[in-house]
Amino acid sequence: MQAAPVRATAIPSFTNALRAVESLLLSSGQRTARRNAWTSVLEDRRRAKDRVEAQRVLEQTYIVRP
């Protein structure tokens, strides 16, 4: 008696599932706009982090050499 063949079906990641739902609900232009907006948010967060780091370095430099 042979064992039944195993069929592997990939379980989509949460991100892929969200993108699939997004593609059903939004037109192409709306998807692009949403992704562009999210890219802008991430870039703003990166710049804010860089500003905080630069401020910390400047404050340390000032304290070390008054």
Protein backbone atom coordinates (compact mmCIF):
# COMPACT_ATOMS: atom_id res chain seq x y z
CA MET A 1 0.00 0.00 0.00
CA GLN A 2 1.40 3.37 -1.01
CA ALA A 3 1.12 6.53 1.05
CA ALA A 4 -1.01 9.29 -0.37
CA PRO A 5 1.03 11.94 -2.18
CA VAL A 6 1.68 15.07 -0.15
CA ARG A 7 0.75 18.31 -1.85
CA ALA A 8 2.50 21.35 -0.51
CA THR A 9 0.58 24.55 -0.89
CA ALA A 10 2.35 27.73 0.09
CA ILE A 11 0.62 29.72 2.76
CA PRO A 12 0.76 33.36 1.71
CA SER A 13 2.44 35.77 4.06
CA PHE A 14 0.34 38.36 5.80
CA THR A 15 1.82 41.05 3.55
CA ASN A 16 0.97 39.10 0.42
CA ALA A 17 -2.56 38.51 1.68
CA LEU A 18 -3.02 42.25 2.33
CA ARG A 19 -1.71 43.07 -1.13
CA ALA A 20 -4.16 40.61 -2.67
CA VAL A 21 -7.07 42.22 -0.82
CA GLU A 22 -5.76 45.66 -1.74
CA SER A 23 -5.62 44.71 -5.43
CA LEU A 24 -9.24 43.59 -5.30
CA LEU A 25 -10.47 46.75 -3.59
CA LEU A 26 -8.38 49.50 -5.14
CA SER A 27 -7.65 50.55 -8.67
CA SER A 28 -4.07 50.58 -9.90
CA GLY A 29 -3.68 54.33 -9.39
CA GLN A 30 -4.91 54.13 -5.81
CA ARG A 31 -2.50 51.29 -5.03
CA THR A 32 0.38 53.31 -6.41
CA ALA A 33 -0.65 56.38 -4.43
CA ARG A 34 -0.92 54.36 -1.22
CA ARG A 35 2.50 52.78 -1.72
CA ASN A 36 4.03 56.17 -2.50
CA ALA A 37 2.47 57.60 0.65
CA TRP A 38 3.83 54.74 2.76
CA THR A 39 7.29 55.20 1.24
CA SER A 40 7.10 58.88 2.23
CA VAL A 41 6.13 57.96 5.79
CA LEU A 42 9.11 55.62 6.08
CA GLU A 43 11.45 58.25 4.67
CA ASP A 44 10.12 60.88 7.11
CA ARG A 45 10.74 58.48 10.00
CA ARG A 46 14.29 57.87 8.80
CA ARG A 47 14.98 61.60 8.56
CA ALA A 48 13.53 62.18 12.04
CA LYS A 49 15.77 59.45 13.45
CA ASP A 50 18.78 61.05 11.73
CA ARG A 51 17.87 64.47 13.19
CA VAL A 52 17.66 63.04 16.71
CA GLU A 53 21.03 61.34 16.29
CA ALA A 54 22.64 64.54 14.92
CA GLN A 55 21.21 66.55 17.83
CA ARG A 56 22.60 64.01 20.32
CA VAL A 57 26.06 64.20 18.73
CA LEU A 58 25.99 68.00 18.76
CA GLU A 59 24.96 68.09 22.43
CA GLN A 60 27.70 65.64 23.39
CA THR A 61 30.27 67.65 21.44
CA TYR A 62 29.22 70.86 23.15
CA ILE A 63 29.37 69.29 26.62
CA VAL A 64 32.81 67.80 25.96
CA ARG A 65 34.25 71.04 24.51
CA PRO A 66 32.46 74.06 26.01
